[in-house]
Amino acid sequence: MQAATGYQGVTPSLTNYSTSGAYTNSQTSKSMPLVLGAGYTFAISERQVLGLTYERNLLSINPAGQDYYTSSGLTSSTRMGFDNQAQWSLMLGQLIRNGSMVYGKLSYASLDTTDAANNFSLDGYGVGIGFKTFLNPFQYVYTEYNYTKMSERSIQIGSDSFKASAVGKGGLVGIGWQF
Protein backbone atom coordinates (compact mmCIF):
# COMPACT_ATOMS: atom_id res chain seq x y z
CA MET A 1 0.00 0.00 0.00
CA GLN A 2 1.32 3.46 -0.82
CA ALA A 3 0.34 7.14 -0.78
CA ALA A 4 1.90 9.97 -2.80
CA THR A 5 1.54 13.57 -3.87
CA GLY A 6 3.43 15.79 -6.30
CA TYR A 7 2.59 17.73 -9.45
CA GLN A 8 0.71 16.78 -12.60
CA GLY A 9 -0.58 18.37 -15.76
CA VAL A 10 -3.05 17.03 -18.33
CA THR A 11 -3.35 18.67 -21.76
CA PRO A 12 -6.42 17.74 -23.81
CA SER A 13 -6.38 17.64 -27.60
CA LEU A 14 -9.72 18.34 -29.30
CA THR A 15 -9.37 18.13 -33.11
CA ASN A 16 -11.04 17.16 -36.40
CA TYR A 17 -14.25 19.12 -35.83
CA SER A 18 -17.08 18.44 -38.27
CA THR A 19 -17.68 22.22 -38.47
CA SER A 20 -15.48 23.59 -41.26
CA GLY A 21 -12.45 25.48 -39.95
CA ALA A 22 -13.28 24.82 -36.27
CA TYR A 23 -10.54 24.18 -33.71
CA THR A 24 -9.93 24.37 -29.97
CA ASN A 25 -7.07 26.06 -28.15
CA SER A 26 -6.59 23.97 -24.97
CA GLN A 27 -4.74 24.96 -21.83
CA THR A 28 -3.08 22.42 -19.53
CA SER A 29 -5.02 21.45 -16.40
CA LYS A 30 -2.57 21.45 -13.47
CA SER A 31 -2.92 20.16 -9.94
CA MET A 32 -1.39 18.50 -6.93
CA PRO A 33 -2.62 14.87 -6.84
CA LEU A 34 -3.28 12.61 -3.88
CA VAL A 35 -2.59 9.11 -5.18
CA LEU A 36 -3.33 5.94 -3.20
CA GLY A 37 -2.25 2.57 -4.47
CA ALA A 38 -2.13 -1.10 -3.61
CA GLY A 39 -0.53 -4.06 -5.27
CA TYR A 40 1.38 -7.27 -5.09
CA THR A 41 5.08 -7.77 -5.85
CA PHE A 42 7.06 -10.99 -6.04
CA ALA A 43 10.70 -11.89 -6.68
CA ILE A 44 11.56 -13.25 -10.13
CA SER A 45 15.29 -13.51 -9.30
CA GLU A 46 17.61 -12.60 -6.46
CA ARG A 47 17.72 -8.94 -7.56
CA GLN A 48 14.56 -8.45 -9.67
CA VAL A 49 10.88 -8.12 -8.76
CA LEU A 50 7.67 -8.05 -10.78
CA GLY A 51 4.52 -6.41 -9.50
CA LEU A 52 0.93 -5.51 -10.34
CA THR A 53 -0.52 -2.32 -8.82
CA TYR A 54 -3.72 -0.28 -8.88
CA GLU A 55 -3.47 3.48 -8.26
CA ARG A 56 -6.16 6.13 -8.02
CA ASN A 57 -5.97 9.90 -7.69
CA LEU A 58 -8.50 10.90 -5.02
CA LEU A 59 -8.55 14.55 -6.15
CA SER A 60 -9.87 16.18 -9.32
CA ILE A 61 -7.50 17.96 -11.68
CA ASN A 62 -8.25 21.69 -11.71
CA PRO A 63 -10.16 22.90 -14.78
CA ALA A 64 -8.34 24.93 -17.44
CA GLY A 65 -9.60 26.99 -20.38
CA GLN A 66 -10.82 25.57 -23.69
CA ASP A 67 -11.49 28.17 -26.41
CA TYR A 68 -13.56 27.03 -29.42
CA TYR A 69 -12.95 28.89 -32.68
CA THR A 70 -14.76 28.74 -36.02
CA SER A 71 -14.12 30.65 -39.24
CA SER A 72 -15.98 33.62 -37.70
CA GLY A 73 -13.57 33.75 -34.70
CA LEU A 74 -13.94 32.82 -31.03
CA THR A 75 -17.30 31.07 -30.70
CA SER A 76 -17.23 29.92 -27.06
CA SER A 77 -15.01 29.44 -24.05
CA THR A 78 -15.36 26.77 -21.43
CA ARG A 79 -13.26 25.05 -18.81
CA MET A 80 -12.38 21.38 -18.63
CA GLY A 81 -10.94 19.41 -15.72
CA PHE A 82 -10.37 15.72 -15.09
CA ASP A 83 -11.54 13.29 -12.42
CA ASN A 84 -11.54 9.56 -11.58
CA GLN A 85 -7.95 9.05 -12.69
CA ALA A 86 -6.96 5.43 -12.23
CA GLN A 87 -4.38 3.04 -13.58
CA TRP A 88 -3.43 -0.63 -13.47
CA SER A 89 0.34 -1.07 -13.79
CA LEU A 90 2.79 -3.87 -14.41
CA MET A 91 6.06 -2.97 -12.65
CA LEU A 92 9.55 -4.43 -13.11
CA GLY A 93 12.13 -3.50 -10.45
CA GLN A 94 15.88 -4.00 -10.13
CA LEU A 95 17.65 -3.88 -6.76
CA ILE A 96 20.68 -1.62 -7.18
CA ARG A 97 22.13 -1.92 -3.68
CA ASN A 98 20.94 -2.95 -0.24
CA GLY A 99 17.71 -1.12 0.44
CA SER A 100 17.21 0.65 -2.94
CA MET A 101 15.51 -0.20 -6.20
CA VAL A 102 14.90 1.39 -9.61
CA TYR A 103 11.78 0.37 -11.51
CA GLY A 104 9.80 0.91 -14.64
CA LYS A 105 6.09 0.45 -15.16
CA LEU A 106 3.65 0.05 -18.02
CA SER A 107 0.02 0.98 -17.32
CA TYR A 108 -3.55 1.00 -18.56
CA ALA A 109 -5.01 4.38 -17.54
CA SER A 110 -8.47 5.98 -17.52
CA LEU A 111 -10.05 9.32 -16.57
CA ASP A 112 -13.25 11.35 -16.93
CA THR A 113 -13.63 14.99 -17.98
CA THR A 114 -15.36 17.44 -15.64
CA ASP A 115 -16.77 20.96 -15.89
CA ALA A 116 -17.32 20.68 -19.67
CA ALA A 117 -20.76 21.12 -21.26
CA ASN A 118 -20.80 17.40 -22.12
CA ASN A 119 -18.34 15.25 -20.16
CA PHE A 120 -16.76 12.10 -21.56
CA SER A 121 -14.28 9.39 -20.55
CA LEU A 122 -10.88 8.58 -22.02
CA ASP A 123 -8.54 5.64 -21.61
CA GLY A 124 -5.03 4.88 -22.80
CA TYR A 125 -1.59 3.80 -21.65
CA GLY A 126 1.06 5.07 -19.28
CA VAL A 127 4.76 4.55 -18.71
CA GLY A 128 6.74 5.49 -15.64
CA ILE A 129 10.12 5.26 -13.97
CA GLY A 130 10.84 5.39 -10.27
CA PHE A 131 13.23 4.93 -7.36
CA LYS A 132 12.49 3.36 -3.95
CA THR A 133 14.55 3.36 -0.78
CA PHE A 134 13.51 1.03 2.02
CA LEU A 135 13.54 2.57 5.49
CA ASN A 136 13.03 -0.82 7.14
CA PRO A 137 11.62 -4.17 5.99
CA PHE A 138 8.07 -2.76 6.02
CA GLN A 139 8.32 0.90 4.87
CA TYR A 140 9.79 2.70 1.88
CA VAL A 141 9.89 6.17 0.35
CA TYR A 142 9.73 6.62 -3.39
CA THR A 143 9.71 9.10 -6.23
CA GLU A 144 8.52 8.53 -9.79
CA TYR A 145 7.80 10.25 -13.08
CA ASN A 146 4.77 9.20 -15.16
CA TYR A 147 3.71 9.92 -18.75
CA THR A 148 0.18 9.04 -19.87
CA LYS A 149 -1.28 9.15 -23.40
CA MET A 150 -5.04 8.79 -23.74
CA SER A 151 -6.23 7.18 -26.97
CA GLU A 152 -8.09 9.32 -29.48
CA ARG A 153 -11.86 8.95 -29.22
CA SER A 154 -14.66 10.31 -31.45
CA ILE A 155 -17.14 12.48 -29.54
CA GLN A 156 -20.58 13.61 -30.79
CA ILE A 157 -22.21 16.62 -29.13
CA GLY A 158 -25.39 17.79 -30.83
CA SER A 159 -24.67 18.26 -34.53
CA ASP A 160 -20.92 18.67 -34.00
CA SER A 161 -18.34 15.91 -33.72
CA PHE A 162 -14.64 15.96 -32.91
CA LYS A 163 -11.77 13.72 -31.80
CA ALA A 164 -10.55 13.92 -28.19
CA SER A 165 -7.35 12.69 -26.57
CA ALA A 166 -5.05 13.89 -23.78
CA VAL A 167 -1.47 13.72 -22.57
CA GLY A 168 -0.60 13.71 -18.88
CA LYS A 169 2.78 14.22 -17.19
CA GLY A 170 3.60 14.24 -13.53
CA GLY A 171 5.98 13.56 -10.71
CA LEU A 172 5.17 11.91 -7.38
CA VAL A 173 6.88 11.53 -4.02
CA GLY A 174 5.41 9.19 -1.46
CA ILE A 175 5.65 6.60 1.24
CA GLY A 176 4.69 2.96 1.11
CA TRP A 177 4.10 0.00 3.39
CA GLN A 178 4.59 -3.65 2.52
CA PHE A 179 3.23 -6.59 4.47
C-alpha atoms as a PDB file:
ATOM      1  CA  MET A   1       0.000   0.000   0.000  1.00  0.00           C
ATOM      2  CA  GLN A   2       1.322   3.464  -0.816  1.00  0.00           C
ATOM      3  CA  ALA A   3       0.344   7.144  -0.780  1.00  0.00           C
ATOM      4  CA  ALA A   4       1.896   9.966  -2.795  1.00  0.00           C
ATOM      5  CA  THR A   5       1.545  13.570  -3.870  1.00  0.00           C
ATOM      6  CA  GLY A   6       3.426  15.795  -6.296  1.00  0.00           C
ATOM      7  CA  TYR A   7       2.590  17.729  -9.447  1.00  0.00           C
ATOM      8  CA  GLN A   8       0.706  16.778 -12.598  1.00  0.00           C
ATOM      9  CA  GLY A   9      -0.580  18.368 -15.760  1.00  0.00           C
ATOM     10  CA  VAL A  10      -3.055  17.032 -18.327  1.00  0.00           C
ATOM     11  CA  THR A  11      -3.351  18.668 -21.759  1.00  0.00           C
ATOM     12  CA  PRO A  12      -6.416  17.741 -23.813  1.00  0.00           C
ATOM     13  CA  SER A  13      -6.383  17.644 -27.598  1.00  0.00           C
ATOM     14  CA  LEU A  14      -9.716  18.337 -29.299  1.00  0.00           C
ATOM     15  CA  THR A  15      -9.367  18.131 -33.107  1.00  0.00           C
ATOM     16  CA  ASN A  16     -11.043  17.160 -36.403  1.00  0.00           C
ATOM     17  CA  TYR A  17     -14.245  19.123 -35.833  1.00  0.00           C
ATOM     18  CA  SER A  18     -17.083  18.444 -38.270  1.00  0.00           C
ATOM     19  CA  THR A  19     -17.676  22.220 -38.469  1.00  0.00           C
ATOM     20  CA  SER A  20     -15.480  23.593 -41.258  1.00  0.00           C
ATOM     21  CA  GLY A  21     -12.454  25.477 -39.946  1.00  0.00           C
ATOM     22  CA  ALA A  22     -13.281  24.824 -36.268  1.00  0.00           C
ATOM     23  CA  TYR A  23     -10.545  24.179 -33.710  1.00  0.00           C
ATOM     24  CA  THR A  24      -9.934  24.367 -29.974  1.00  0.00           C
ATOM     25  CA  ASN A  25      -7.074  26.058 -28.152  1.00  0.00           C
ATOM     26  CA  SER A  26      -6.587  23.971 -24.973  1.00  0.00           C
ATOM     27  CA  GLN A  27      -4.743  24.955 -21.827  1.00  0.00           C
ATOM     28  CA  THR A  28      -3.080  22.425 -19.526  1.00  0.00           C
ATOM     29  CA  SER A  29      -5.022  21.453 -16.400  1.00  0.00           C
ATOM     30  CA  LYS A  30      -2.572  21.447 -13.472  1.00  0.00           C
ATOM     31  CA  SER A  31      -2.923  20.162  -9.939  1.00  0.00           C
ATOM     32  CA  MET A  32      -1.392  18.496  -6.932  1.00  0.00           C
ATOM     33  CA  PRO A  33      -2.619  14.868  -6.840  1.00  0.00           C
ATOM     34  CA  LEU A  34      -3.281  12.607  -3.875  1.00  0.00           C
ATOM     35  CA  VAL A  35      -2.594   9.110  -5.179  1.00  0.00           C
ATOM     36  CA  LEU A  36      -3.335   5.944  -3.201  1.00  0.00           C
ATOM     37  CA  GLY A  37      -2.253   2.565  -4.473  1.00  0.00           C
ATOM     38  CA  ALA A  38      -2.131  -1.101  -3.611  1.00  0.00           C
ATOM     39  CA  GLY A  39      -0.529  -4.063  -5.270  1.00  0.00           C
ATOM     40  CA  TYR A  40       1.376  -7.274  -5.093  1.00  0.00           C
ATOM     41  CA  THR A  41       5.085  -7.767  -5.846  1.00  0.00           C
ATOM     42  CA  PHE A  42       7.056 -10.994  -6.042  1.00  0.00           C
ATOM     43  CA  ALA A  43      10.701 -11.890  -6.679  1.00  0.00           C
ATOM     44  CA  ILE A  44      11.563 -13.247 -10.126  1.00  0.00           C
ATOM     45  CA  SER A  45      15.289 -13.512  -9.302  1.00  0.00           C
ATOM     46  CA  GLU A  46      17.606 -12.596  -6.460  1.00  0.00           C
ATOM     47  CA  ARG A  47      17.722  -8.937  -7.563  1.00  0.00           C
ATOM     48  CA  GLN A  48      14.556  -8.446  -9.671  1.00  0.00           C
ATOM     49  CA  VAL A  49      10.882  -8.120  -8.760  1.00  0.00           C
ATOM     50  CA  LEU A  50       7.668  -8.046 -10.783  1.00  0.00           C
ATOM     51  CA  GLY A  51       4.520  -6.414  -9.503  1.00  0.00           C
ATOM     52  CA  LEU A  52       0.931  -5.512 -10.342  1.00  0.00           C
ATOM     53  CA  THR A  53      -0.520  -2.319  -8.820  1.00  0.00           C
ATOM     54  CA  TYR A  54      -3.722  -0.277  -8.880  1.00  0.00           C
ATOM     55  CA  GLU A  55      -3.466   3.482  -8.258  1.00  0.00           C
ATOM     56  CA  ARG A  56      -6.162   6.126  -8.016  1.00  0.00           C
ATOM     57  CA  ASN A  57      -5.966   9.900  -7.692  1.00  0.00           C
ATOM     58  CA  LEU A  58      -8.504  10.902  -5.024  1.00  0.00           C
ATOM     59  CA  LEU A  59      -8.548  14.552  -6.148  1.00  0.00           C
ATOM     60  CA  SER A  60      -9.868  16.177  -9.319  1.00  0.00           C
ATOM     61  CA  ILE A  61      -7.496  17.962 -11.684  1.00  0.00           C
ATOM     62  CA  ASN A  62      -8.251  21.695 -11.707  1.00  0.00           C
ATOM     63  CA  PRO A  63     -10.158  22.899 -14.779  1.00  0.00           C
ATOM     64  CA  ALA A  64      -8.339  24.927 -17.440  1.00  0.00           C
ATOM     65  CA  GLY A  65      -9.598  26.991 -20.383  1.00  0.00           C
ATOM     66  CA  GLN A  66     -10.821  25.571 -23.686  1.00  0.00           C
ATOM     67  CA  ASP A  67     -11.494  28.166 -26.408  1.00  0.00           C
ATOM     68  CA  TYR A  68     -13.556  27.025 -29.418  1.00  0.00           C
ATOM     69  CA  TYR A  69     -12.953  28.887 -32.682  1.00  0.00           C
ATOM     70  CA  THR A  70     -14.759  28.736 -36.024  1.00  0.00           C
ATOM     71  CA  SER A  71     -14.116  30.651 -39.241  1.00  0.00           C
ATOM     72  CA  SER A  72     -15.979  33.618 -37.697  1.00  0.00           C
ATOM     73  CA  GLY A  73     -13.568  33.752 -34.701  1.00  0.00           C
ATOM     74  CA  LEU A  74     -13.938  32.824 -31.032  1.00  0.00           C
ATOM     75  CA  THR A  75     -17.297  31.068 -30.700  1.00  0.00           C
ATOM     76  CA  SER A  76     -17.234  29.918 -27.065  1.00  0.00           C
ATOM     77  CA  SER A  77     -15.013  29.444 -24.048  1.00  0.00           C
ATOM     78  CA  THR A  78     -15.357  26.768 -21.434  1.00  0.00           C
ATOM     79  CA  ARG A  79     -13.257  25.050 -18.806  1.00  0.00           C
ATOM     80  CA  MET A  80     -12.378  21.377 -18.626  1.00  0.00           C
ATOM     81  CA  GLY A  81     -10.935  19.412 -15.720  1.00  0.00           C
ATOM     82  CA  PHE A  82     -10.367  15.721 -15.086  1.00  0.00           C
ATOM     83  CA  ASP A  83     -11.544  13.286 -12.422  1.00  0.00           C
ATOM     84  CA  ASN A  84     -11.537   9.565 -11.581  1.00  0.00           C
ATOM     85  CA  GLN A  85      -7.945   9.055 -12.691  1.00  0.00           C
ATOM     86  CA  ALA A  86      -6.960   5.433 -12.235  1.00  0.00           C
ATOM     87  CA  GLN A  87      -4.380   3.041 -13.577  1.00  0.00           C
ATOM     88  CA  TRP A  88      -3.425  -0.627 -13.472  1.00  0.00           C
ATOM     89  CA  SER A  89       0.343  -1.066 -13.788  1.00  0.00           C
ATOM     90  CA  LEU A  90       2.793  -3.866 -14.408  1.00  0.00           C
ATOM     91  CA  MET A  91       6.063  -2.971 -12.654  1.00  0.00           C
ATOM     92  CA  LEU A  92       9.553  -4.429 -13.106  1.00  0.00           C
ATOM     93  CA  GLY A  93      12.132  -3.501 -10.450  1.00  0.00           C
ATOM     94  CA  GLN A  94      15.880  -4.004 -10.128  1.00  0.00           C
ATOM     95  CA  LEU A  95      17.646  -3.877  -6.760  1.00  0.00           C
ATOM     96  CA  ILE A  96      20.680  -1.621  -7.179  1.00  0.00           C
ATOM     97  CA  ARG A  97      22.134  -1.918  -3.678  1.00  0.00           C
ATOM     98  CA  ASN A  98      20.944  -2.949  -0.242  1.00  0.00           C
ATOM     99  CA  GLY A  99      17.713  -1.122   0.437  1.00  0.00           C
ATOM    100  CA  SER A 100      17.208   0.650  -2.937  1.00  0.00           C
ATOM    101  CA  MET A 101      15.507  -0.200  -6.204  1.00  0.00           C
ATOM    102  CA  VAL A 102      14.899   1.386  -9.614  1.00  0.00           C
ATOM    103  CA  TYR A 103      11.784   0.366 -11.512  1.00  0.00           C
ATOM    104  CA  GLY A 104       9.797   0.907 -14.643  1.00  0.00           C
ATOM    105  CA  LYS A 105       6.090   0.451 -15.161  1.00  0.00           C
ATOM    106  CA  LEU A 106       3.648   0.046 -18.024  1.00  0.00           C
ATOM    107  CA  SER A 107       0.017   0.975 -17.316  1.00  0.00           C
ATOM    108  CA  TYR A 108      -3.550   0.998 -18.563  1.00  0.00           C
ATOM    109  CA  ALA A 109      -5.012   4.384 -17.545  1.00  0.00           C
ATOM    110  CA  SER A 110      -8.473   5.980 -17.523  1.00  0.00           C
ATOM    111  CA  LEU A 111     -10.048   9.317 -16.575  1.00  0.00           C
ATOM    112  CA  ASP A 112     -13.253  11.347 -16.930  1.00  0.00           C
ATOM    113  CA  THR A 113     -13.628  14.987 -17.975  1.00  0.00           C
ATOM    114  CA  THR A 114     -15.363  17.445 -15.642  1.00  0.00           C
ATOM    115  CA  ASP A 115     -16.772  20.959 -15.895  1.00  0.00           C
ATOM    116  CA  ALA A 116     -17.319  20.682 -19.670  1.00  0.00           C
ATOM    117  CA  ALA A 117     -20.756  21.125 -21.261  1.00  0.00           C
ATOM    118  CA  ASN A 118     -20.796  17.403 -22.122  1.00  0.00           C
ATOM    119  CA  ASN A 119     -18.340  15.253 -20.157  1.00  0.00           C
ATOM    120  CA  PHE A 120     -16.757  12.098 -21.556  1.00  0.00           C
ATOM    121  CA  SER A 121     -14.279   9.386 -20.546  1.00  0.00           C
ATOM    122  CA  LEU A 122     -10.878   8.578 -22.025  1.00  0.00           C
ATOM    123  CA  ASP A 123      -8.535   5.637 -21.609  1.00  0.00           C
ATOM    124  CA  GLY A 124      -5.033   4.878 -22.797  1.00  0.00           C
ATOM    125  CA  TYR A 125      -1.594   3.804 -21.652  1.00  0.00           C
ATOM    126  CA  GLY A 126       1.056   5.072 -19.281  1.00  0.00           C
ATOM    127  CA  VAL A 127       4.760   4.549 -18.715  1.00  0.00           C
ATOM    128  CA  GLY A 128       6.738   5.491 -15.643  1.00  0.00           C
ATOM    129  CA  ILE A 129      10.122   5.260 -13.965  1.00  0.00           C
ATOM    130  CA  GLY A 130      10.843   5.393 -10.273  1.00  0.00           C
ATOM    131  CA  PHE A 131      13.227   4.929  -7.361  1.00  0.00           C
ATOM    132  CA  LYS A 132      12.490   3.362  -3.955  1.00  0.00           C
ATOM    133  CA  THR A 133      14.549   3.359  -0.779  1.00  0.00           C
ATOM    134  CA  PHE A 134      13.507   1.027   2.016  1.00  0.00           C
ATOM    135  CA  LEU A 135      13.540   2.573   5.486  1.00  0.00           C
ATOM    136  CA  ASN A 136      13.035  -0.818   7.139  1.00  0.00           C
ATOM    137  CA  PRO A 137      11.623  -4.171   5.995  1.00  0.00           C
ATOM    138  CA  PHE A 138       8.072  -2.757   6.020  1.00  0.00           C
ATOM    139  CA  GLN A 139       8.320   0.899   4.867  1.00  0.00           C
ATOM    140  CA  TYR A 140       9.795   2.699   1.883  1.00  0.00           C
ATOM    141  CA  VAL A 141       9.893   6.172   0.350  1.00  0.00           C
ATOM    142  CA  TYR A 142       9.732   6.620  -3.395  1.00  0.00           C
ATOM    143  CA  THR A 143       9.711   9.101  -6.232  1.00  0.00           C
ATOM    144  CA  GLU A 144       8.519   8.532  -9.787  1.00  0.00           C
ATOM    145  CA  TYR A 145       7.796  10.249 -13.079  1.00  0.00           C
ATOM    146  CA  ASN A 146       4.773   9.198 -15.164  1.00  0.00           C
ATOM    147  CA  TYR A 147       3.712   9.915 -18.750  1.00  0.00           C
ATOM    148  CA  THR A 148       0.178   9.038 -19.874  1.00  0.00           C
ATOM    149  CA  LYS A 149      -1.285   9.147 -23.401  1.00  0.00           C
ATOM    150  CA  MET A 150      -5.042   8.789 -23.741  1.00  0.00           C
ATOM    151  CA  SER A 151      -6.234   7.182 -26.971  1.00  0.00           C
ATOM    152  CA  GLU A 152      -8.090   9.322 -29.483  1.00  0.00           C
ATOM    153  CA  ARG A 153     -11.863   8.951 -29.224  1.00  0.00           C
ATOM    154  CA  SER A 154     -14.657  10.314 -31.452  1.00  0.00           C
ATOM    155  CA  ILE A 155     -17.144  12.484 -29.536  1.00  0.00           C
ATOM    156  CA  GLN A 156     -20.579  13.608 -30.793  1.00  0.00           C
ATOM    157  CA  ILE A 157     -22.211  16.622 -29.127  1.00  0.00           C
ATOM    158  CA  GLY A 158     -25.385  17.791 -30.832  1.00  0.00           C
ATOM    159  CA  SER A 159     -24.666  18.263 -34.527  1.00  0.00           C
ATOM    160  CA  ASP A 160     -20.916  18.668 -33.998  1.00  0.00           C
ATOM    161  CA  SER A 161     -18.338  15.915 -33.717  1.00  0.00           C
ATOM    162  CA  PHE A 162     -14.636  15.956 -32.905  1.00  0.00           C
ATOM    163  CA  LYS A 163     -11.773  13.718 -31.801  1.00  0.00           C
ATOM    164  CA  ALA A 164     -10.548  13.920 -28.193  1.00  0.00           C
ATOM    165  CA  SER A 165      -7.355  12.688 -26.565  1.00  0.00           C
ATOM    166  CA  ALA A 166      -5.052  13.885 -23.778  1.00  0.00           C
ATOM    167  CA  VAL A 167      -1.470  13.721 -22.569  1.00  0.00           C
ATOM    168  CA  GLY A 168      -0.599  13.709 -18.879  1.00  0.00           C
ATOM    169  CA  LYS A 169       2.784  14.222 -17.191  1.00  0.00           C
ATOM    170  CA  GLY A 170       3.601  14.237 -13.531  1.00  0.00           C
ATOM    171  CA  GLY A 171       5.977  13.556 -10.709  1.00  0.00           C
ATOM    172  CA  LEU A 172       5.172  11.909  -7.377  1.00  0.00           C
ATOM    173  CA  VAL A 173       6.878  11.532  -4.015  1.00  0.00           C
ATOM    174  CA  GLY A 174       5.411   9.187  -1.459  1.00  0.00           C
ATOM    175  CA  ILE A 175       5.645   6.601   1.241  1.00  0.00           C
ATOM    176  CA  GLY A 176       4.686   2.957   1.109  1.00  0.00           C
ATOM    177  CA  TRP A 177       4.098  -0.004   3.387  1.00  0.00           C
ATOM    178  CA  GLN A 178       4.588  -3.653   2.524  1.00  0.00           C
ATOM    179  CA  PHE A 179       3.235  -6.588   4.469  1.00  0.00           C
END
